[in-house]
Amino acid sequence: MGVTSRSNARPRMRARTTGFAALFSAAAAAATIAAALAQSGFDRPGGDYASAPVASGDPAVCAARCERDKSCQSWSFSYPSASGEPAMCWLKRVVAPRAKANCCVSGVRGAGVIEPRLGELEYSIDRVGGDYRSFETTPDPRGKACAAACQAESRCRAWTYRRPGYGTAAPRCYLKDAIKPPRPRPCCISGVVR
């Protein structure tokens, strides 16, 4: 009863081998997808064949345009500027190499948009309410001056930096004495300090 014949052992070995191969293939596919995700803070210069303003100012709109257009292989999105230029989307016929650029988010077809999680920074997050003070600040792709102002004031528990071009020409900093729920919005970068 406890003896396993060779003919019974082979199907189980094949099943184990097939299971391990499927698991390895799934892990490799997940790693490939993760490497292809869109990245904030990068442009993909060159290869443009179409461009259009993005009224909502949301990089996900640009990624979706690329998905719907069979000619599109990659895309770049630029946030609205302090000088009043609108958010723009550029579709590209090639997968152009990425280049560091604070103005932009870029990606390849099929990747979607993922904003980075860098420690206490919350990209594309607005924490509406709880404001006790707001002020104009200098344009900054990471909202550093706003984060520093919150760190310096003991009353401040959280902050939101509103990028220029989203409702006002100049960027604004909102210091908060209450931690409000995060809301996904491309206009803003937020953080919780205490």
N, C-alpha and C. Protein backbone atom coordinates (compact mmCIF):
# COMPACT_ATOMS: atom_id res chain seq x y z
N MET A 1 0.81 -1.19 0.00
CA MET A 1 0.00 0.00 0.00
C MET A 1 0.86 1.25 0.00
N GLY A 2 1.97 1.28 0.79
CA GLY A 2 2.81 2.45 0.89
C GLY A 2 3.79 2.58 -0.26
N VAL A 3 3.82 1.63 -1.19
CA VAL A 3 4.77 1.65 -2.30
C VAL A 3 4.15 2.39 -3.48
N THR A 4 4.92 3.31 -4.05
CA THR A 4 4.45 4.07 -5.21
C THR A 4 5.07 3.49 -6.45
N SER A 5 4.26 3.17 -7.41
CA SER A 5 4.81 2.62 -8.66
C SER A 5 5.35 3.76 -9.51
N ARG A 6 6.24 3.39 -10.43
CA ARG A 6 6.82 4.40 -11.32
C ARG A 6 5.75 5.08 -12.17
N SER A 7 4.75 4.34 -12.60
CA SER A 7 3.73 4.91 -13.47
C SER A 7 2.87 5.93 -12.72
N ASN A 8 2.68 5.76 -11.40
CA ASN A 8 1.91 6.74 -10.62
C ASN A 8 2.75 7.98 -10.29
N ALA A 9 4.04 7.83 -10.13
CA ALA A 9 4.92 8.94 -9.74
C ALA A 9 5.12 9.93 -10.88
N ARG A 10 5.16 9.45 -12.14
CA ARG A 10 5.41 10.34 -13.29
C ARG A 10 4.33 11.40 -13.46
N PRO A 11 3.03 11.08 -13.40
CA PRO A 11 2.03 12.14 -13.56
C PRO A 11 2.12 13.18 -12.45
N ARG A 12 2.42 12.75 -11.23
CA ARG A 12 2.56 13.72 -10.14
C ARG A 12 3.77 14.61 -10.36
N MET A 13 4.86 14.05 -10.84
CA MET A 13 6.07 14.83 -11.11
C MET A 13 5.79 15.84 -12.22
N ARG A 14 5.08 15.40 -13.29
CA ARG A 14 4.72 16.32 -14.37
C ARG A 14 3.83 17.45 -13.85
N ALA A 15 2.89 17.12 -13.00
CA ALA A 15 1.99 18.14 -12.44
C ALA A 15 2.77 19.14 -11.60
N ARG A 16 3.72 18.67 -10.81
CA ARG A 16 4.54 19.59 -10.00
C ARG A 16 5.39 20.48 -10.89
N THR A 17 6.01 19.87 -11.91
CA THR A 17 6.86 20.63 -12.83
C THR A 17 6.03 21.68 -13.57
N THR A 18 4.84 21.28 -14.04
CA THR A 18 3.95 22.22 -14.74
C THR A 18 3.52 23.33 -13.80
N GLY A 19 3.20 22.99 -12.55
CA GLY A 19 2.80 24.00 -11.56
C GLY A 19 3.90 25.00 -11.29
N PHE A 20 5.14 24.50 -11.13
CA PHE A 20 6.28 25.40 -10.90
C PHE A 20 6.53 26.28 -12.12
N ALA A 21 6.39 25.71 -13.32
CA ALA A 21 6.59 26.49 -14.55
C ALA A 21 5.54 27.59 -14.65
N ALA A 22 4.29 27.27 -14.34
CA ALA A 22 3.21 28.28 -14.39
C ALA A 22 3.46 29.38 -13.36
N LEU A 23 3.87 29.00 -12.16
CA LEU A 23 4.16 29.98 -11.12
C LEU A 23 5.31 30.89 -11.54
N PHE A 24 6.37 30.31 -12.11
CA PHE A 24 7.52 31.09 -12.57
C PHE A 24 7.10 32.03 -13.70
N SER A 25 6.28 31.55 -14.64
CA SER A 25 5.82 32.39 -15.75
C SER A 25 4.98 33.56 -15.24
N ALA A 26 4.10 33.29 -14.27
CA ALA A 26 3.27 34.36 -13.70
C ALA A 26 4.14 35.40 -13.00
N ALA A 27 5.15 34.96 -12.25
CA ALA A 27 6.04 35.90 -11.56
C ALA A 27 6.83 36.74 -12.57
N ALA A 28 7.30 36.11 -13.65
CA ALA A 28 8.04 36.85 -14.68
C ALA A 28 7.15 37.87 -15.36
N ALA A 29 5.88 37.49 -15.65
CA ALA A 29 4.95 38.44 -16.27
C ALA A 29 4.67 39.61 -15.35
N ALA A 30 4.49 39.34 -14.07
CA ALA A 30 4.24 40.42 -13.10
C ALA A 30 5.43 41.36 -13.03
N ALA A 31 6.64 40.83 -13.06
CA ALA A 31 7.84 41.67 -13.02
C ALA A 31 7.93 42.54 -14.27
N THR A 32 7.56 41.98 -15.43
CA THR A 32 7.59 42.75 -16.68
C THR A 32 6.57 43.87 -16.63
N ILE A 33 5.36 43.59 -16.14
CA ILE A 33 4.34 44.62 -16.06
C ILE A 33 4.78 45.72 -15.11
N ALA A 34 5.34 45.36 -13.96
CA ALA A 34 5.78 46.36 -12.99
C ALA A 34 6.85 47.27 -13.59
N ALA A 35 7.74 46.70 -14.41
CA ALA A 35 8.80 47.50 -15.01
C ALA A 35 8.24 48.47 -16.06
N ALA A 36 7.06 48.15 -16.63
CA ALA A 36 6.49 48.96 -17.70
C ALA A 36 5.55 50.05 -17.22
N LEU A 37 5.31 50.16 -15.93
CA LEU A 37 4.36 51.14 -15.43
C LEU A 37 4.79 52.56 -15.76
N ALA A 38 3.80 53.42 -15.96
CA ALA A 38 4.08 54.83 -16.23
C ALA A 38 4.78 55.45 -15.03
N GLN A 39 5.60 56.46 -15.32
CA GLN A 39 6.37 57.06 -14.24
C GLN A 39 6.26 58.56 -14.23
N SER A 40 6.00 59.09 -13.05
CA SER A 40 5.96 60.52 -12.84
C SER A 40 7.40 61.03 -12.76
N GLY A 41 7.63 62.20 -13.34
CA GLY A 41 8.98 62.77 -13.31
C GLY A 41 9.84 62.37 -14.49
N PHE A 42 9.21 61.80 -15.53
CA PHE A 42 9.95 61.40 -16.73
C PHE A 42 9.18 61.79 -17.98
N ASP A 43 9.93 62.18 -19.02
CA ASP A 43 9.39 62.46 -20.35
C ASP A 43 9.93 61.39 -21.28
N ARG A 44 9.35 61.26 -22.44
CA ARG A 44 9.86 60.37 -23.49
C ARG A 44 9.99 61.21 -24.76
N PRO A 45 11.09 61.98 -24.89
CA PRO A 45 11.22 62.90 -26.03
C PRO A 45 11.34 62.17 -27.37
N GLY A 46 10.70 62.73 -28.40
CA GLY A 46 10.80 62.21 -29.76
C GLY A 46 9.71 61.21 -30.08
N GLY A 47 9.53 60.97 -31.39
CA GLY A 47 8.57 59.99 -31.86
C GLY A 47 7.13 60.45 -31.83
N ASP A 48 6.87 61.76 -31.62
CA ASP A 48 5.50 62.26 -31.53
C ASP A 48 4.81 62.19 -32.90
N TYR A 49 3.55 61.78 -32.92
CA TYR A 49 2.74 61.87 -34.12
C TYR A 49 1.42 62.59 -33.87
N ALA A 50 1.07 62.79 -32.60
CA ALA A 50 -0.16 63.52 -32.28
C ALA A 50 -0.01 64.16 -30.91
N SER A 51 -0.68 65.31 -30.74
CA SER A 51 -0.70 65.96 -29.43
C SER A 51 -2.05 66.63 -29.26
N ALA A 52 -2.46 66.75 -28.00
CA ALA A 52 -3.75 67.40 -27.71
C ALA A 52 -3.75 67.88 -26.28
N PRO A 53 -4.45 68.99 -26.01
CA PRO A 53 -4.59 69.43 -24.62
C PRO A 53 -5.47 68.44 -23.84
N VAL A 54 -5.22 68.38 -22.52
CA VAL A 54 -6.01 67.52 -21.63
C VAL A 54 -6.71 68.45 -20.65
N ALA A 55 -7.98 68.73 -20.91
CA ALA A 55 -8.73 69.71 -20.12
C ALA A 55 -8.80 69.34 -18.64
N SER A 56 -8.89 68.05 -18.34
CA SER A 56 -9.00 67.63 -16.93
C SER A 56 -7.67 67.71 -16.20
N GLY A 57 -6.56 67.77 -16.96
CA GLY A 57 -5.24 67.80 -16.33
C GLY A 57 -4.84 66.47 -15.71
N ASP A 58 -5.45 65.38 -16.14
CA ASP A 58 -5.20 64.06 -15.57
C ASP A 58 -4.37 63.21 -16.52
N PRO A 59 -3.18 62.73 -16.09
CA PRO A 59 -2.35 61.91 -16.97
C PRO A 59 -3.01 60.61 -17.39
N ALA A 60 -3.98 60.11 -16.63
CA ALA A 60 -4.67 58.88 -17.01
C ALA A 60 -5.43 59.05 -18.32
N VAL A 61 -5.86 60.27 -18.65
CA VAL A 61 -6.54 60.54 -19.91
C VAL A 61 -5.56 60.30 -21.06
N CYS A 62 -4.32 60.71 -20.89
CA CYS A 62 -3.31 60.52 -21.93
C CYS A 62 -3.02 59.02 -22.12
N ALA A 63 -2.89 58.30 -21.02
CA ALA A 63 -2.65 56.85 -21.09
C ALA A 63 -3.81 56.16 -21.81
N ALA A 64 -5.04 56.58 -21.53
CA ALA A 64 -6.22 55.99 -22.17
C ALA A 64 -6.24 56.30 -23.67
N ARG A 65 -5.84 57.52 -24.07
CA ARG A 65 -5.77 57.86 -25.49
C ARG A 65 -4.82 56.92 -26.21
N CYS A 66 -3.68 56.65 -25.59
CA CYS A 66 -2.70 55.75 -26.19
C CYS A 66 -3.28 54.35 -26.34
N GLU A 67 -4.01 53.90 -25.34
CA GLU A 67 -4.62 52.56 -25.38
C GLU A 67 -5.60 52.43 -26.55
N ARG A 68 -6.36 53.48 -26.84
CA ARG A 68 -7.38 53.44 -27.89
C ARG A 68 -6.80 53.59 -29.30
N ASP A 69 -5.58 54.09 -29.42
CA ASP A 69 -4.98 54.36 -30.73
C ASP A 69 -3.96 53.27 -31.06
N LYS A 70 -4.25 52.48 -32.09
CA LYS A 70 -3.38 51.33 -32.42
C LYS A 70 -1.98 51.75 -32.87
N SER A 71 -1.81 52.99 -33.30
CA SER A 71 -0.48 53.47 -33.72
C SER A 71 0.39 53.85 -32.53
N CYS A 72 -0.22 54.03 -31.39
CA CYS A 72 0.51 54.53 -30.21
C CYS A 72 1.29 53.42 -29.52
N GLN A 73 2.57 53.67 -29.30
CA GLN A 73 3.44 52.74 -28.57
C GLN A 73 3.84 53.29 -27.20
N SER A 74 3.91 54.62 -27.07
CA SER A 74 4.22 55.25 -25.79
C SER A 74 3.61 56.65 -25.79
N TRP A 75 3.67 57.32 -24.63
CA TRP A 75 3.04 58.62 -24.49
C TRP A 75 3.78 59.44 -23.43
N SER A 76 3.59 60.76 -23.52
CA SER A 76 4.09 61.70 -22.50
C SER A 76 2.98 62.69 -22.19
N PHE A 77 2.88 63.04 -20.93
CA PHE A 77 1.90 64.01 -20.46
C PHE A 77 2.66 65.09 -19.71
N SER A 78 2.30 66.37 -19.96
CA SER A 78 2.90 67.45 -19.18
C SER A 78 1.79 68.17 -18.42
N TYR A 79 2.08 68.48 -17.16
CA TYR A 79 1.12 69.19 -16.31
C TYR A 79 0.93 70.61 -16.83
N PRO A 80 -0.18 71.27 -16.49
CA PRO A 80 -0.35 72.67 -16.88
C PRO A 80 0.78 73.51 -16.27
N SER A 81 1.14 74.57 -16.96
CA SER A 81 2.24 75.40 -16.48
C SER A 81 1.73 76.62 -15.73
N ALA A 82 2.62 77.24 -14.98
CA ALA A 82 2.29 78.47 -14.25
C ALA A 82 1.99 79.61 -15.21
N SER A 83 2.52 79.54 -16.43
CA SER A 83 2.30 80.60 -17.40
C SER A 83 0.97 80.45 -18.15
N GLY A 84 0.17 79.44 -17.81
CA GLY A 84 -1.14 79.29 -18.41
C GLY A 84 -1.24 78.26 -19.52
N GLU A 85 -0.15 77.61 -19.89
CA GLU A 85 -0.22 76.57 -20.91
C GLU A 85 -1.00 75.39 -20.35
N PRO A 86 -1.87 74.78 -21.17
CA PRO A 86 -2.69 73.68 -20.65
C PRO A 86 -1.88 72.39 -20.49
N ALA A 87 -2.45 71.45 -19.76
CA ALA A 87 -1.87 70.11 -19.70
C ALA A 87 -1.90 69.55 -21.13
N MET A 88 -0.87 68.81 -21.51
CA MET A 88 -0.79 68.29 -22.88
C MET A 88 -0.47 66.80 -22.87
N CYS A 89 -0.94 66.13 -23.92
CA CYS A 89 -0.67 64.72 -24.14
C CYS A 89 0.00 64.55 -25.50
N TRP A 90 1.11 63.82 -25.55
CA TRP A 90 1.80 63.52 -26.81
C TRP A 90 1.80 62.01 -26.99
N LEU A 91 1.27 61.56 -28.13
CA LEU A 91 1.28 60.14 -28.48
C LEU A 91 2.49 59.89 -29.38
N LYS A 92 3.12 58.73 -29.21
CA LYS A 92 4.38 58.42 -29.91
C LYS A 92 4.30 57.09 -30.65
N ARG A 93 4.90 57.05 -31.83
CA ARG A 93 4.92 55.83 -32.64
C ARG A 93 5.95 54.81 -32.15
N VAL A 94 6.85 55.25 -31.33
CA VAL A 94 7.93 54.37 -30.83
C VAL A 94 7.96 54.43 -29.31
N VAL A 95 8.62 53.46 -28.72
CA VAL A 95 8.85 53.51 -27.28
C VAL A 95 10.15 54.28 -27.09
N ALA A 96 10.01 55.58 -26.98
CA ALA A 96 11.17 56.46 -26.83
C ALA A 96 11.77 56.26 -25.43
N PRO A 97 13.10 56.34 -25.32
CA PRO A 97 13.72 56.21 -24.00
C PRO A 97 13.26 57.33 -23.08
N ARG A 98 13.11 57.02 -21.83
CA ARG A 98 12.66 58.03 -20.87
C ARG A 98 13.82 58.93 -20.45
N ALA A 99 13.46 60.17 -20.11
CA ALA A 99 14.44 61.15 -19.64
C ALA A 99 13.83 61.87 -18.45
N LYS A 100 14.62 62.12 -17.42
CA LYS A 100 14.13 62.83 -16.23
C LYS A 100 13.59 64.19 -16.62
N ALA A 101 12.37 64.49 -16.17
CA ALA A 101 11.74 65.79 -16.45
C ALA A 101 10.63 65.98 -15.43
N ASN A 102 10.78 66.97 -14.57
CA ASN A 102 9.81 67.20 -13.50
C ASN A 102 8.42 67.58 -13.99
N CYS A 103 8.33 68.03 -15.24
CA CYS A 103 7.06 68.50 -15.79
C CYS A 103 6.10 67.38 -16.16
N CYS A 104 6.61 66.17 -16.22
CA CYS A 104 5.91 65.17 -17.02
C CYS A 104 5.66 63.83 -16.33
N VAL A 105 4.77 63.08 -16.96
CA VAL A 105 4.51 61.68 -16.65
C VAL A 105 4.55 60.99 -18.00
N SER A 106 5.17 59.83 -18.09
CA SER A 106 5.20 59.13 -19.37
C SER A 106 5.05 57.64 -19.15
N GLY A 107 4.72 56.95 -20.22
CA GLY A 107 4.56 55.50 -20.11
C GLY A 107 4.47 54.85 -21.46
N VAL A 108 4.32 53.55 -21.45
CA VAL A 108 4.17 52.77 -22.67
C VAL A 108 2.75 52.21 -22.71
N ARG A 109 2.33 51.87 -23.90
CA ARG A 109 0.99 51.32 -24.08
C ARG A 109 0.79 50.10 -23.18
N GLY A 110 -0.33 50.06 -22.50
CA GLY A 110 -0.65 48.93 -21.63
C GLY A 110 -0.21 49.11 -20.20
N ALA A 111 0.42 50.24 -19.89
CA ALA A 111 0.99 50.41 -18.55
C ALA A 111 0.10 51.16 -17.58
N GLY A 112 -0.80 52.02 -18.04
CA GLY A 112 -1.60 52.83 -17.13
C GLY A 112 -0.75 53.91 -16.47
N VAL A 113 -1.24 54.47 -15.37
CA VAL A 113 -0.52 55.53 -14.66
C VAL A 113 -0.38 55.13 -13.20
N ILE A 114 0.83 55.15 -12.73
CA ILE A 114 1.10 54.91 -11.32
C ILE A 114 1.97 56.05 -10.84
N GLU A 115 1.49 56.81 -9.90
CA GLU A 115 2.30 57.88 -9.31
C GLU A 115 3.22 57.27 -8.27
N PRO A 116 4.42 57.79 -8.13
CA PRO A 116 5.35 57.19 -7.17
C PRO A 116 4.93 57.38 -5.72
N ARG A 117 5.31 56.48 -4.89
CA ARG A 117 5.14 56.61 -3.44
C ARG A 117 6.54 56.83 -2.88
N LEU A 118 6.81 58.05 -2.50
CA LEU A 118 8.13 58.40 -1.98
C LEU A 118 8.01 58.82 -0.54
N GLY A 119 8.10 57.88 0.36
CA GLY A 119 8.04 58.21 1.78
C GLY A 119 6.74 58.87 2.15
N GLU A 120 6.82 60.11 2.63
CA GLU A 120 5.64 60.82 3.12
C GLU A 120 4.88 61.56 2.02
N LEU A 121 5.38 61.56 0.80
CA LEU A 121 4.70 62.26 -0.29
C LEU A 121 3.59 61.40 -0.87
N GLU A 122 2.44 62.03 -1.14
CA GLU A 122 1.31 61.36 -1.75
C GLU A 122 1.01 62.06 -3.08
N TYR A 123 1.50 61.49 -4.18
CA TYR A 123 1.30 62.09 -5.50
C TYR A 123 -0.14 61.89 -5.96
N SER A 124 -0.68 62.92 -6.62
CA SER A 124 -2.05 62.92 -7.14
C SER A 124 -3.07 62.66 -6.03
N ILE A 125 -2.81 63.21 -4.86
CA ILE A 125 -3.72 63.11 -3.72
C ILE A 125 -4.01 64.51 -3.20
N ASP A 126 -5.29 64.79 -3.00
CA ASP A 126 -5.74 66.03 -2.38
C ASP A 126 -6.39 65.67 -1.05
N ARG A 127 -6.02 66.36 0.00
CA ARG A 127 -6.66 66.17 1.31
C ARG A 127 -7.50 67.42 1.57
N VAL A 128 -8.76 67.35 1.14
CA VAL A 128 -9.67 68.50 1.17
C VAL A 128 -10.14 68.76 2.60
N GLY A 129 -10.04 70.03 3.02
CA GLY A 129 -10.53 70.44 4.34
C GLY A 129 -9.43 70.47 5.39
N GLY A 130 -9.79 71.00 6.55
CA GLY A 130 -8.84 71.09 7.66
C GLY A 130 -7.82 72.19 7.51
N ASP A 131 -7.99 73.09 6.52
CA ASP A 131 -7.01 74.16 6.28
C ASP A 131 -7.08 75.21 7.38
N TYR A 132 -5.92 75.61 7.86
CA TYR A 132 -5.88 76.76 8.76
C TYR A 132 -5.07 77.90 8.15
N ARG A 133 -4.30 77.60 7.09
CA ARG A 133 -3.53 78.64 6.41
C ARG A 133 -3.21 78.17 5.01
N SER A 134 -3.22 79.11 4.04
CA SER A 134 -2.78 78.78 2.68
C SER A 134 -1.97 79.96 2.15
N PHE A 135 -1.08 79.67 1.22
CA PHE A 135 -0.24 80.72 0.64
C PHE A 135 0.29 80.28 -0.72
N GLU A 136 0.64 81.29 -1.56
CA GLU A 136 1.29 81.00 -2.83
C GLU A 136 2.71 80.54 -2.53
N THR A 137 3.21 79.65 -3.36
CA THR A 137 4.57 79.15 -3.19
C THR A 137 5.23 79.01 -4.56
N THR A 138 6.45 78.62 -4.59
CA THR A 138 7.17 78.46 -5.86
C THR A 138 6.82 77.11 -6.49
N PRO A 139 6.81 77.05 -7.83
CA PRO A 139 6.54 75.76 -8.48
C PRO A 139 7.60 74.73 -8.09
N ASP A 140 7.15 73.55 -7.74
CA ASP A 140 8.06 72.49 -7.31
C ASP A 140 7.40 71.15 -7.57
N PRO A 141 8.02 70.25 -8.32
CA PRO A 141 7.38 68.98 -8.66
C PRO A 141 7.16 68.06 -7.46
N ARG A 142 7.75 68.37 -6.33
CA ARG A 142 7.57 67.54 -5.13
C ARG A 142 6.91 68.31 -3.97
N GLY A 143 6.63 69.59 -4.15
CA GLY A 143 5.99 70.38 -3.10
C GLY A 143 6.84 70.54 -1.85
N LYS A 144 8.16 70.60 -2.03
CA LYS A 144 9.09 70.63 -0.88
C LYS A 144 8.87 71.82 0.05
N ALA A 145 8.62 73.01 -0.50
CA ALA A 145 8.43 74.20 0.34
C ALA A 145 7.18 74.05 1.20
N CYS A 146 6.17 73.44 0.66
CA CYS A 146 4.93 73.24 1.40
C CYS A 146 5.16 72.22 2.53
N ALA A 147 5.84 71.13 2.21
CA ALA A 147 6.15 70.12 3.23
C ALA A 147 7.01 70.72 4.34
N ALA A 148 7.98 71.54 3.97
CA ALA A 148 8.86 72.17 4.96
C ALA A 148 8.08 73.13 5.86
N ALA A 149 7.15 73.88 5.27
CA ALA A 149 6.35 74.81 6.07
C ALA A 149 5.52 74.05 7.09
N CYS A 150 4.98 72.93 6.70
CA CYS A 150 4.19 72.12 7.63
C CYS A 150 5.07 71.55 8.74
N GLN A 151 6.24 71.08 8.38
CA GLN A 151 7.18 70.54 9.38
C GLN A 151 7.55 71.60 10.41
N ALA A 152 7.66 72.84 9.96
CA ALA A 152 8.11 73.92 10.84
C ALA A 152 7.03 74.42 11.81
N GLU A 153 5.77 74.13 11.55
CA GLU A 153 4.69 74.62 12.41
C GLU A 153 4.10 73.46 13.21
N SER A 154 4.14 73.56 14.52
CA SER A 154 3.66 72.47 15.37
C SER A 154 2.16 72.22 15.22
N ARG A 155 1.41 73.22 14.81
CA ARG A 155 -0.03 73.05 14.61
C ARG A 155 -0.34 72.20 13.38
N CYS A 156 0.56 72.18 12.42
CA CYS A 156 0.32 71.52 11.13
C CYS A 156 0.43 70.00 11.25
N ARG A 157 -0.62 69.32 10.80
CA ARG A 157 -0.64 67.85 10.83
C ARG A 157 -0.52 67.26 9.43
N ALA A 158 -0.96 68.02 8.41
CA ALA A 158 -0.91 67.55 7.02
C ALA A 158 -0.86 68.76 6.09
N TRP A 159 -0.53 68.53 4.84
CA TRP A 159 -0.42 69.61 3.87
C TRP A 159 -0.85 69.11 2.49
N THR A 160 -1.22 70.07 1.64
CA THR A 160 -1.50 69.79 0.23
C THR A 160 -0.88 70.90 -0.61
N TYR A 161 -0.12 70.50 -1.62
CA TYR A 161 0.47 71.42 -2.60
C TYR A 161 -0.37 71.30 -3.87
N ARG A 162 -0.94 72.41 -4.33
CA ARG A 162 -1.72 72.42 -5.57
C ARG A 162 -0.83 72.93 -6.69
N ARG A 163 -0.64 72.10 -7.70
CA ARG A 163 0.22 72.47 -8.83
C ARG A 163 -0.34 73.69 -9.56
N PRO A 164 0.54 74.48 -10.21
CA PRO A 164 0.04 75.61 -11.00
C PRO A 164 -0.80 75.10 -12.17
N GLY A 165 -1.78 75.91 -12.57
CA GLY A 165 -2.61 75.54 -13.71
C GLY A 165 -3.86 74.77 -13.33
N TYR A 166 -4.02 74.43 -12.08
CA TYR A 166 -5.22 73.74 -11.61
C TYR A 166 -6.04 74.72 -10.77
N GLY A 167 -6.77 75.60 -11.44
CA GLY A 167 -7.61 76.57 -10.75
C GLY A 167 -6.95 77.91 -10.50
N THR A 168 -5.65 77.96 -10.40
CA THR A 168 -4.91 79.22 -10.22
C THR A 168 -3.63 79.16 -11.04
N ALA A 169 -3.11 80.34 -11.38
CA ALA A 169 -1.87 80.38 -12.16
C ALA A 169 -0.66 80.01 -11.31
N ALA A 170 -0.68 80.39 -10.05
CA ALA A 170 0.45 80.12 -9.16
C ALA A 170 0.16 78.89 -8.29
N PRO A 171 1.19 78.14 -7.93
CA PRO A 171 0.97 77.02 -7.03
C PRO A 171 0.62 77.51 -5.63
N ARG A 172 -0.16 76.72 -4.90
CA ARG A 172 -0.58 77.08 -3.54
C ARG A 172 -0.28 75.95 -2.58
N CYS A 173 -0.03 76.35 -1.35
CA CYS A 173 0.21 75.40 -0.27
C CYS A 173 -0.92 75.56 0.75
N TYR A 174 -1.47 74.43 1.19
CA TYR A 174 -2.54 74.43 2.20
C TYR A 174 -2.04 73.65 3.41
N LEU A 175 -1.92 74.33 4.54
CA LEU A 175 -1.51 73.69 5.78
C LEU A 175 -2.77 73.32 6.55
N LYS A 176 -2.78 72.14 7.17
CA LYS A 176 -3.99 71.59 7.77
C LYS A 176 -3.75 71.19 9.22
N ASP A 177 -4.71 71.50 10.07
CA ASP A 177 -4.61 71.09 11.47
C ASP A 177 -5.42 69.83 11.75
N ALA A 178 -5.97 69.24 10.69
CA ALA A 178 -6.69 67.97 10.80
C ALA A 178 -6.31 67.09 9.62
N ILE A 179 -6.22 65.80 9.83
CA ILE A 179 -5.89 64.87 8.75
C ILE A 179 -7.20 64.41 8.11
N LYS A 180 -7.40 64.82 6.88
CA LYS A 180 -8.61 64.46 6.14
C LYS A 180 -8.32 63.29 5.21
N PRO A 181 -9.37 62.58 4.77
CA PRO A 181 -9.16 61.42 3.89
C PRO A 181 -8.53 61.84 2.56
N PRO A 182 -7.66 60.99 2.00
CA PRO A 182 -7.05 61.29 0.70
C PRO A 182 -8.06 61.12 -0.43
N ARG A 183 -8.02 62.05 -1.39
CA ARG A 183 -8.87 61.96 -2.58
C ARG A 183 -7.97 62.00 -3.80
N PRO A 184 -8.10 61.03 -4.69
CA PRO A 184 -7.26 61.02 -5.90
C PRO A 184 -7.60 62.20 -6.81
N ARG A 185 -6.61 63.07 -7.05
CA ARG A 185 -6.76 64.22 -7.95
C ARG A 185 -5.39 64.55 -8.52
N PRO A 186 -5.30 64.73 -9.83
CA PRO A 186 -3.99 65.01 -10.44
C PRO A 186 -3.41 66.36 -10.08
N CYS A 187 -4.22 67.24 -9.49
CA CYS A 187 -3.78 68.61 -9.19
C CYS A 187 -2.74 68.69 -8.10
N CYS A 188 -2.68 67.67 -7.26
CA CYS A 188 -2.07 67.90 -5.96
C CYS A 188 -1.04 66.85 -5.55
N ILE A 189 -0.23 67.27 -4.59
CA ILE A 189 0.68 66.40 -3.85
C ILE A 189 0.39 66.69 -2.39
N SER A 190 0.27 65.67 -1.57
CA SER A 190 -0.04 65.87 -0.16
C SER A 190 0.90 65.08 0.71
N GLY A 191 0.80 65.33 2.01
CA GLY A 191 1.60 64.58 2.97
C GLY A 191 1.02 64.73 4.37
N VAL A 192 1.27 63.73 5.18
CA VAL A 192 0.86 63.75 6.59
C VAL A 192 2.14 63.85 7.41
N VAL A 193 2.20 64.81 8.31
CA VAL A 193 3.41 65.06 9.09
C VAL A 193 3.30 64.48 10.49
N ARG A 194 2.20 64.74 11.19
CA ARG A 194 2.04 64.26 12.55
C ARG A 194 0.62 63.85 12.82
